[in-house]
Amino acid sequence: LYLQMTLVDGIFHADPHPGNVAVQPDGTIVLYDFGMA
């Protein structure tokens, strides 16, 4: 996901520390806090 954001899309979430990344029961990744991008 982060390689796609940086290498392909050119716009990315820049603060992926554990407090800003969560997981739902089906394995979906949730991203929070886009203040640093």
ModelCIF file with pLDDT and N, C-alpha, C, O atoms, coordinates in Angstrom:
data_MODEL
#
_entry.id   MODEL 
#
_entity.id                         1 
_entity.type                       polymer 
_entity.pdbx_number_of_molecules   1 
#
_entity_poly.entity_id                      1 
_entity_poly.type                           'polypeptide(L)' 
_entity_poly.nstd_linkage                   no 
_entity_poly.nstd_monomer                   no 
_entity_poly.pdbx_seq_one_letter_code       LYLQMTLVDGIFHADPHPGNVAVQPDGTIVLYDFGMA 
_entity_poly.pdbx_seq_one_letter_code_can   LYLQMTLVDGIFHADPHPGNVAVQPDGTIVLYDFGMA 
_entity_poly.pdbx_strand_id                 A 
#
loop_
_entity_poly_seq.entity_id 
_entity_poly_seq.num 
_entity_poly_seq.mon_id 
_entity_poly_seq.hetero 
1 1  LEU n 
1 2  TYR n 
1 3  LEU n 
1 4  GLN n 
1 5  MET n 
1 6  THR n 
1 7  LEU n 
1 8  VAL n 
1 9  ASP n 
1 10 GLY n 
1 11 ILE n 
1 12 PHE n 
1 13 HIS n 
1 14 ALA n 
1 15 ASP n 
1 16 PRO n 
1 17 HIS n 
1 18 PRO n 
1 19 GLY n 
1 20 ASN n 
1 21 VAL n 
1 22 ALA n 
1 23 VAL n 
1 24 GLN n 
1 25 PRO n 
1 26 ASP n 
1 27 GLY n 
1 28 THR n 
1 29 ILE n 
1 30 VAL n 
1 31 LEU n 
1 32 TYR n 
1 33 ASP n 
1 34 PHE n 
1 35 GLY n 
1 36 MET n 
1 37 ALA n 
#
_struct_asym.id          A 
_struct_asym.entity_id   1 
#
loop_
_ma_qa_metric.id 
_ma_qa_metric.mode 
_ma_qa_metric.name 
_ma_qa_metric.software_group_id 
_ma_qa_metric.type 
1 global pLDDT . pLDDT 
2 local  pLDDT . pLDDT 
#
_ma_qa_metric_global.metric_id      1 
_ma_qa_metric_global.metric_value   93.19 
_ma_qa_metric_global.model_id       1 
_ma_qa_metric_global.ordinal_id     1 
#
loop_
_ma_qa_metric_local.label_asym_id 
_ma_qa_metric_local.label_comp_id 
_ma_qa_metric_local.label_seq_id 
_ma_qa_metric_local.metric_id 
_ma_qa_metric_local.metric_value 
_ma_qa_metric_local.model_id 
_ma_qa_metric_local.ordinal_id 
A LEU 1  2 96.00 1 1  
A TYR 2  2 96.00 1 2  
A LEU 3  2 95.00 1 3  
A GLN 4  2 95.00 1 4  
A MET 5  2 96.00 1 5  
A THR 6  2 94.00 1 6  
A LEU 7  2 92.00 1 7  
A VAL 8  2 93.00 1 8  
A ASP 9  2 94.00 1 9  
A GLY 10 2 93.00 1 10 
A ILE 11 2 94.00 1 11 
A PHE 12 2 94.00 1 12 
A HIS 13 2 94.00 1 13 
A ALA 14 2 90.00 1 14 
A ASP 15 2 87.00 1 15 
A PRO 16 2 90.00 1 16 
A HIS 17 2 85.00 1 17 
A PRO 18 2 85.00 1 18 
A GLY 19 2 84.00 1 19 
A ASN 20 2 91.00 1 20 
A VAL 21 2 95.00 1 21 
A ALA 22 2 96.00 1 22 
A VAL 23 2 97.00 1 23 
A GLN 24 2 97.00 1 24 
A PRO 25 2 96.00 1 25 
A ASP 26 2 95.00 1 26 
A GLY 27 2 96.00 1 27 
A THR 28 2 97.00 1 28 
A ILE 29 2 98.00 1 29 
A VAL 30 2 98.00 1 30 
A LEU 31 2 97.00 1 31 
A TYR 32 2 94.00 1 32 
A ASP 33 2 92.00 1 33 
A PHE 34 2 94.00 1 34 
A GLY 35 2 90.00 1 35 
A MET 36 2 88.00 1 36 
A ALA 37 2 90.00 1 37 
#
loop_
_atom_site.group_PDB 
_atom_site.id 
_atom_site.type_symbol 
_atom_site.label_atom_id 
_atom_site.label_alt_id 
_atom_site.label_comp_id 
_atom_site.label_asym_id 
_atom_site.label_entity_id 
_atom_site.label_seq_id 
_atom_site.pdbx_PDB_ins_code 
_atom_site.Cartn_x 
_atom_site.Cartn_y 
_atom_site.Cartn_z 
_atom_site.occupancy 
_atom_site.B_iso_or_equiv 
_atom_site.pdbx_formal_charge 
_atom_site.auth_seq_id 
_atom_site.auth_comp_id 
_atom_site.auth_asym_id 
_atom_site.auth_atom_id 
_atom_site.pdbx_PDB_model_num 
ATOM 1   N N  . LEU A 1 1  ? 0.831   -1.208  0.000  1.00 96.00 ? 1  LEU A N  1 
ATOM 2   C CA . LEU A 1 1  ? 0.000   0.000   0.000  1.00 96.00 ? 1  LEU A CA 1 
ATOM 3   C C  . LEU A 1 1  ? 0.863   1.254   0.000  1.00 96.00 ? 1  LEU A C  1 
ATOM 4   O O  . LEU A 1 1  ? 0.600   2.197   -0.747 1.00 96.00 ? 1  LEU A O  1 
ATOM 5   N N  . TYR A 1 2  ? 1.891   1.262   0.839  1.00 96.00 ? 2  TYR A N  1 
ATOM 6   C CA . TYR A 1 2  ? 2.731   2.458   0.924  1.00 96.00 ? 2  TYR A CA 1 
ATOM 7   C C  . TYR A 1 2  ? 3.637   2.613   -0.294 1.00 96.00 ? 2  TYR A C  1 
ATOM 8   O O  . TYR A 1 2  ? 3.952   3.736   -0.687 1.00 96.00 ? 2  TYR A O  1 
ATOM 9   N N  . LEU A 1 3  ? 4.053   1.513   -0.890 1.00 95.00 ? 3  LEU A N  1 
ATOM 10  C CA . LEU A 1 3  ? 4.819   1.605   -2.126 1.00 95.00 ? 3  LEU A CA 1 
ATOM 11  C C  . LEU A 1 3  ? 3.950   2.131   -3.262 1.00 95.00 ? 3  LEU A C  1 
ATOM 12  O O  . LEU A 1 3  ? 4.420   2.897   -4.104 1.00 95.00 ? 3  LEU A O  1 
ATOM 13  N N  . GLN A 1 4  ? 2.688   1.722   -3.287 1.00 95.00 ? 4  GLN A N  1 
ATOM 14  C CA . GLN A 1 4  ? 1.783   2.256   -4.306 1.00 95.00 ? 4  GLN A CA 1 
ATOM 15  C C  . GLN A 1 4  ? 1.586   3.757   -4.119 1.00 95.00 ? 4  GLN A C  1 
ATOM 16  O O  . GLN A 1 4  ? 1.609   4.516   -5.088 1.00 95.00 ? 4  GLN A O  1 
ATOM 17  N N  . MET A 1 5  ? 1.390   4.189   -2.859 1.00 96.00 ? 5  MET A N  1 
ATOM 18  C CA . MET A 1 5  ? 1.189   5.613   -2.608 1.00 96.00 ? 5  MET A CA 1 
ATOM 19  C C  . MET A 1 5  ? 2.401   6.433   -3.048 1.00 96.00 ? 5  MET A C  1 
ATOM 20  O O  . MET A 1 5  ? 2.248   7.488   -3.664 1.00 96.00 ? 5  MET A O  1 
ATOM 21  N N  . THR A 1 6  ? 3.612   5.946   -2.730 1.00 94.00 ? 6  THR A N  1 
ATOM 22  C CA . THR A 1 6  ? 4.809   6.735   -3.001 1.00 94.00 ? 6  THR A CA 1 
ATOM 23  C C  . THR A 1 6  ? 5.273   6.614   -4.451 1.00 94.00 ? 6  THR A C  1 
ATOM 24  O O  . THR A 1 6  ? 5.593   7.625   -5.077 1.00 94.00 ? 6  THR A O  1 
ATOM 25  N N  . LEU A 1 7  ? 5.317   5.394   -4.997 1.00 92.00 ? 7  LEU A N  1 
ATOM 26  C CA . LEU A 1 7  ? 5.891   5.192   -6.315 1.00 92.00 ? 7  LEU A CA 1 
ATOM 27  C C  . LEU A 1 7  ? 4.894   5.367   -7.455 1.00 92.00 ? 7  LEU A C  1 
ATOM 28  O O  . LEU A 1 7  ? 5.277   5.749   -8.561 1.00 92.00 ? 7  LEU A O  1 
ATOM 29  N N  . VAL A 1 8  ? 3.622   5.090   -7.194 1.00 93.00 ? 8  VAL A N  1 
ATOM 30  C CA . VAL A 1 8  ? 2.619   5.122   -8.268 1.00 93.00 ? 8  VAL A CA 1 
ATOM 31  C C  . VAL A 1 8  ? 1.735   6.364   -8.174 1.00 93.00 ? 8  VAL A C  1 
ATOM 32  O O  . VAL A 1 8  ? 1.611   7.117   -9.140 1.00 93.00 ? 8  VAL A O  1 
ATOM 33  N N  . ASP A 1 9  ? 1.119   6.576   -7.005 1.00 94.00 ? 9  ASP A N  1 
ATOM 34  C CA . ASP A 1 9  ? 0.160   7.674   -6.870 1.00 94.00 ? 9  ASP A CA 1 
ATOM 35  C C  . ASP A 1 9  ? 0.840   9.024   -6.648 1.00 94.00 ? 9  ASP A C  1 
ATOM 36  O O  . ASP A 1 9  ? 0.340   10.049  -7.109 1.00 94.00 ? 9  ASP A O  1 
ATOM 37  N N  . GLY A 1 10 ? 1.965   9.033   -5.952 1.00 93.00 ? 10 GLY A N  1 
ATOM 38  C CA . GLY A 1 10 ? 2.665   10.285  -5.699 1.00 93.00 ? 10 GLY A CA 1 
ATOM 39  C C  . GLY A 1 10 ? 2.038   11.143  -4.625 1.00 93.00 ? 10 GLY A C  1 
ATOM 40  O O  . GLY A 1 10 ? 2.421   12.302  -4.468 1.00 93.00 ? 10 GLY A O  1 
ATOM 41  N N  . ILE A 1 11 ? 1.092   10.612  -3.884 1.00 94.00 ? 11 ILE A N  1 
ATOM 42  C CA . ILE A 1 11 ? 0.511   11.312  -2.736 1.00 94.00 ? 11 ILE A CA 1 
ATOM 43  C C  . ILE A 1 11 ? 0.329   10.272  -1.644 1.00 94.00 ? 11 ILE A C  1 
ATOM 44  O O  . ILE A 1 11 ? -0.278  9.227   -1.879 1.00 94.00 ? 11 ILE A O  1 
ATOM 45  N N  . PHE A 1 12 ? 0.851   10.547  -0.441 1.00 94.00 ? 12 PHE A N  1 
ATOM 46  C CA . PHE A 1 12 ? 0.905   9.455   0.524  1.00 94.00 ? 12 PHE A CA 1 
ATOM 47  C C  . PHE A 1 12 ? 0.763   9.929   1.971  1.00 94.00 ? 12 PHE A C  1 
ATOM 48  O O  . PHE A 1 12 ? 1.106   11.056  2.328  1.00 94.00 ? 12 PHE A O  1 
ATOM 49  N N  . HIS A 1 13 ? 0.244   9.019   2.776  1.00 94.00 ? 13 HIS A N  1 
ATOM 50  C CA . HIS A 1 13 ? 0.170   9.143   4.225  1.00 94.00 ? 13 HIS A CA 1 
ATOM 51  C C  . HIS A 1 13 ? 1.587   8.990   4.752  1.00 94.00 ? 13 HIS A C  1 
ATOM 52  O O  . HIS A 1 13 ? 2.237   7.980   4.483  1.00 94.00 ? 13 HIS A O  1 
ATOM 53  N N  . ALA A 1 14 ? 2.087   9.988   5.509  1.00 90.00 ? 14 ALA A N  1 
ATOM 54  C CA . ALA A 1 14 ? 3.508   9.999   5.857  1.00 90.00 ? 14 ALA A CA 1 
ATOM 55  C C  . ALA A 1 14 ? 3.789   9.718   7.324  1.00 90.00 ? 14 ALA A C  1 
ATOM 56  O O  . ALA A 1 14 ? 4.899   9.966   7.794  1.00 90.00 ? 14 ALA A O  1 
ATOM 57  N N  . ASP A 1 15 ? 2.801   9.204   8.063  1.00 87.00 ? 15 ASP A N  1 
ATOM 58  C CA . ASP A 1 15 ? 3.028   8.948   9.492  1.00 87.00 ? 15 ASP A CA 1 
ATOM 59  C C  . ASP A 1 15 ? 2.428   7.601   9.888  1.00 87.00 ? 15 ASP A C  1 
ATOM 60  O O  . ASP A 1 15 ? 1.498   7.551   10.693 1.00 87.00 ? 15 ASP A O  1 
ATOM 61  N N  . PRO A 1 16 ? 2.956   6.503   9.327  1.00 90.00 ? 16 PRO A N  1 
ATOM 62  C CA . PRO A 1 16 ? 2.354   5.179   9.557  1.00 90.00 ? 16 PRO A CA 1 
ATOM 63  C C  . PRO A 1 16 ? 2.813   4.483   10.839 1.00 90.00 ? 16 PRO A C  1 
ATOM 64  O O  . PRO A 1 16 ? 3.012   3.268   10.842 1.00 90.00 ? 16 PRO A O  1 
ATOM 65  N N  . HIS A 1 17 ? 2.986   5.248   11.940 1.00 85.00 ? 17 HIS A N  1 
ATOM 66  C CA . HIS A 1 17 ? 3.377   4.567   13.181 1.00 85.00 ? 17 HIS A CA 1 
ATOM 67  C C  . HIS A 1 17 ? 2.191   3.742   13.689 1.00 85.00 ? 17 HIS A C  1 
ATOM 68  O O  . HIS A 1 17 ? 1.059   3.994   13.276 1.00 85.00 ? 17 HIS A O  1 
ATOM 69  N N  . PRO A 1 18 ? 2.418   2.765   14.571 1.00 85.00 ? 18 PRO A N  1 
ATOM 70  C CA . PRO A 1 18 ? 1.362   1.818   14.967 1.00 85.00 ? 18 PRO A CA 1 
ATOM 71  C C  . PRO A 1 18 ? 0.076   2.464   15.453 1.00 85.00 ? 18 PRO A C  1 
ATOM 72  O O  . PRO A 1 18 ? -0.992  1.875   15.288 1.00 85.00 ? 18 PRO A O  1 
ATOM 73  N N  . GLY A 1 19 ? 0.133   3.657   16.049 1.00 84.00 ? 19 GLY A N  1 
ATOM 74  C CA . GLY A 1 19 ? -1.084  4.306   16.500 1.00 84.00 ? 19 GLY A CA 1 
ATOM 75  C C  . GLY A 1 19 ? -1.970  4.786   15.372 1.00 84.00 ? 19 GLY A C  1 
ATOM 76  O O  . GLY A 1 19 ? -3.152  5.055   15.586 1.00 84.00 ? 19 GLY A O  1 
ATOM 77  N N  . ASN A 1 20 ? -1.416  4.898   14.165 1.00 91.00 ? 20 ASN A N  1 
ATOM 78  C CA . ASN A 1 20 ? -2.174  5.387   13.017 1.00 91.00 ? 20 ASN A CA 1 
ATOM 79  C C  . ASN A 1 20 ? -2.550  4.298   12.026 1.00 91.00 ? 20 ASN A C  1 
ATOM 80  O O  . ASN A 1 20 ? -3.088  4.587   10.957 1.00 91.00 ? 20 ASN A O  1 
ATOM 81  N N  . VAL A 1 21 ? -2.271  3.051   12.375 1.00 95.00 ? 21 VAL A N  1 
ATOM 82  C CA . VAL A 1 21 ? -2.598  1.921   11.497 1.00 95.00 ? 21 VAL A CA 1 
ATOM 83  C C  . VAL A 1 21 ? -3.358  0.880   12.309 1.00 95.00 ? 21 VAL A C  1 
ATOM 84  O O  . VAL A 1 21 ? -2.892  0.433   13.357 1.00 95.00 ? 21 VAL A O  1 
ATOM 85  N N  . ALA A 1 22 ? -4.531  0.500   11.813 1.00 96.00 ? 22 ALA A N  1 
ATOM 86  C CA . ALA A 1 22 ? -5.349  -0.498  12.508 1.00 96.00 ? 22 ALA A CA 1 
ATOM 87  C C  . ALA A 1 22 ? -5.777  -1.582  11.520 1.00 96.00 ? 22 ALA A C  1 
ATOM 88  O O  . ALA A 1 22 ? -5.614  -1.443  10.308 1.00 96.00 ? 22 ALA A O  1 
ATOM 89  N N  . VAL A 1 23 ? -6.327  -2.662  12.070 1.00 97.00 ? 23 VAL A N  1 
ATOM 90  C CA . VAL A 1 23 ? -6.744  -3.798  11.251 1.00 97.00 ? 23 VAL A CA 1 
ATOM 91  C C  . VAL A 1 23 ? -8.145  -4.219  11.673 1.00 97.00 ? 23 VAL A C  1 
ATOM 92  O O  . VAL A 1 23 ? -8.432  -4.326  12.866 1.00 97.00 ? 23 VAL A O  1 
ATOM 93  N N  . GLN A 1 24 ? -9.019  -4.457  10.697 1.00 97.00 ? 24 GLN A N  1 
ATOM 94  C CA . GLN A 1 24 ? -10.363 -4.942  10.977 1.00 97.00 ? 24 GLN A CA 1 
ATOM 95  C C  . GLN A 1 24 ? -10.381 -6.470  10.950 1.00 97.00 ? 24 GLN A C  1 
ATOM 96  O O  . GLN A 1 24 ? -9.445  -7.081  10.435 1.00 97.00 ? 24 GLN A O  1 
ATOM 97  N N  . PRO A 1 25 ? -11.420 -7.096  11.491 1.00 96.00 ? 25 PRO A N  1 
ATOM 98  C CA . PRO A 1 25 ? -11.447 -8.564  11.586 1.00 96.00 ? 25 PRO A CA 1 
ATOM 99  C C  . PRO A 1 25 ? -11.250 -9.292  10.262 1.00 96.00 ? 25 PRO A C  1 
ATOM 100 O O  . PRO A 1 25 ? -10.741 -10.413 10.251 1.00 96.00 ? 25 PRO A O  1 
ATOM 101 N N  . ASP A 1 26 ? -11.642 -8.680  9.143  1.00 95.00 ? 26 ASP A N  1 
ATOM 102 C CA . ASP A 1 26 ? -11.464 -9.340  7.844  1.00 95.00 ? 26 ASP A CA 1 
ATOM 103 C C  . ASP A 1 26 ? -10.093 -9.071  7.230  1.00 95.00 ? 26 ASP A C  1 
ATOM 104 O O  . ASP A 1 26 ? -9.823  -9.479  6.101  1.00 95.00 ? 26 ASP A O  1 
ATOM 105 N N  . GLY A 1 27 ? -9.212  -8.370  7.991  1.00 96.00 ? 27 GLY A N  1 
ATOM 106 C CA . GLY A 1 27 ? -7.866  -8.104  7.501  1.00 96.00 ? 27 GLY A CA 1 
ATOM 107 C C  . GLY A 1 27 ? -7.698  -6.759  6.812  1.00 96.00 ? 27 GLY A C  1 
ATOM 108 O O  . GLY A 1 27 ? -6.591  -6.407  6.404  1.00 96.00 ? 27 GLY A O  1 
ATOM 109 N N  . THR A 1 28 ? -8.785  -6.005  6.677  1.00 97.00 ? 28 THR A N  1 
ATOM 110 C CA . THR A 1 28 ? -8.697  -4.681  6.045  1.00 97.00 ? 28 THR A CA 1 
ATOM 111 C C  . THR A 1 28 ? -7.845  -3.753  6.905  1.00 97.00 ? 28 THR A C  1 
ATOM 112 O O  . THR A 1 28 ? -8.015  -3.686  8.122  1.00 97.00 ? 28 THR A O  1 
ATOM 113 N N  . ILE A 1 29 ? -6.932  -3.045  6.262  1.00 98.00 ? 29 ILE A N  1 
ATOM 114 C CA . ILE A 1 29 ? -6.069  -2.085  6.962  1.00 98.00 ? 29 ILE A CA 1 
ATOM 115 C C  . ILE A 1 29 ? -6.756  -0.726  7.005  1.00 98.00 ? 29 ILE A C  1 
ATOM 116 O O  . ILE A 1 29 ? -7.282  -0.257  5.996  1.00 98.00 ? 29 ILE A O  1 
ATOM 117 N N  . VAL A 1 30 ? -6.750  -0.095  8.181  1.00 98.00 ? 30 VAL A N  1 
ATOM 118 C CA . VAL A 1 30 ? -7.349  1.229   8.358  1.00 98.00 ? 30 VAL A CA 1 
ATOM 119 C C  . VAL A 1 30 ? -6.229  2.231   8.628  1.00 98.00 ? 30 VAL A C  1 
ATOM 120 O O  . VAL A 1 30 ? -5.357  1.985   9.461  1.00 98.00 ? 30 VAL A O  1 
ATOM 121 N N  . LEU A 1 31 ? -6.257  3.356   7.921  1.00 97.00 ? 31 LEU A N  1 
ATOM 122 C CA . LEU A 1 31 ? -5.261  4.401   8.122  1.00 97.00 ? 31 LEU A CA 1 
ATOM 123 C C  . LEU A 1 31 ? -5.909  5.625   8.752  1.00 97.00 ? 31 LEU A C  1 
ATOM 124 O O  . LEU A 1 31 ? -6.968  6.075   8.315  1.00 97.00 ? 31 LEU A O  1 
ATOM 125 N N  . TYR A 1 32 ? -5.256  6.163   9.793  1.00 94.00 ? 32 TYR A N  1 
ATOM 126 C CA . TYR A 1 32 ? -5.739  7.353   10.481 1.00 94.00 ? 32 TYR A CA 1 
ATOM 127 C C  . TYR A 1 32 ? -4.689  8.465   10.403 1.00 94.00 ? 32 TYR A C  1 
ATOM 128 O O  . TYR A 1 32 ? -3.513  8.215   10.137 1.00 94.00 ? 32 TYR A O  1 
ATOM 129 N N  . ASP A 1 33 ? -5.140  9.684   10.639 1.00 92.00 ? 33 ASP A N  1 
ATOM 130 C CA . ASP A 1 33 ? -4.266  10.853  10.837 1.00 92.00 ? 33 ASP A CA 1 
ATOM 131 C C  . ASP A 1 33 ? -3.420  11.169  9.605  1.00 92.00 ? 33 ASP A C  1 
ATOM 132 O O  . ASP A 1 33 ? -2.318  10.647  9.436  1.00 92.00 ? 33 ASP A O  1 
ATOM 133 N N  . PHE A 1 34 ? -3.961  12.032  8.752  1.00 94.00 ? 34 PHE A N  1 
ATOM 134 C CA . PHE A 1 34 ? -3.286  12.412  7.519  1.00 94.00 ? 34 PHE A CA 1 
ATOM 135 C C  . PHE A 1 34 ? -2.680  13.811  7.607  1.00 94.00 ? 34 PHE A C  1 
ATOM 136 O O  . PHE A 1 34 ? -2.443  14.463  6.591  1.00 94.00 ? 34 PHE A O  1 
ATOM 137 N N  . GLY A 1 35 ? -2.432  14.261  8.842  1.00 90.00 ? 35 GLY A N  1 
ATOM 138 C CA . GLY A 1 35 ? -1.839  15.574  9.017  1.00 90.00 ? 35 GLY A CA 1 
ATOM 139 C C  . GLY A 1 35 ? -0.460  15.659  8.401  1.00 90.00 ? 35 GLY A C  1 
ATOM 140 O O  . GLY A 1 35 ? -0.089  16.688  7.838  1.00 90.00 ? 35 GLY A O  1 
ATOM 141 N N  . MET A 1 36 ? 0.306   14.579  8.505  1.00 88.00 ? 36 MET A N  1 
ATOM 142 C CA . MET A 1 36 ? 1.618   14.519  7.869  1.00 88.00 ? 36 MET A CA 1 
ATOM 143 C C  . MET A 1 36 ? 1.474   13.711  6.588  1.00 88.00 ? 36 MET A C  1 
ATOM 144 O O  . MET A 1 36 ? 1.262   12.499  6.630  1.00 88.00 ? 36 MET A O  1 
ATOM 145 N N  . ALA A 1 37 ? 1.587   14.379  5.464  1.00 90.00 ? 37 ALA A N  1 
ATOM 146 C CA . ALA A 1 37 ? 1.406   13.723  4.166  1.00 90.00 ? 37 ALA A CA 1 
ATOM 147 C C  . ALA A 1 37 ? 2.396   14.317  3.175  1.00 90.00 ? 37 ALA A C  1 
ATOM 148 O O  . ALA A 1 37 ? 2.423   13.913  2.012  1.00 90.00 ? 37 ALA A O  1 
#
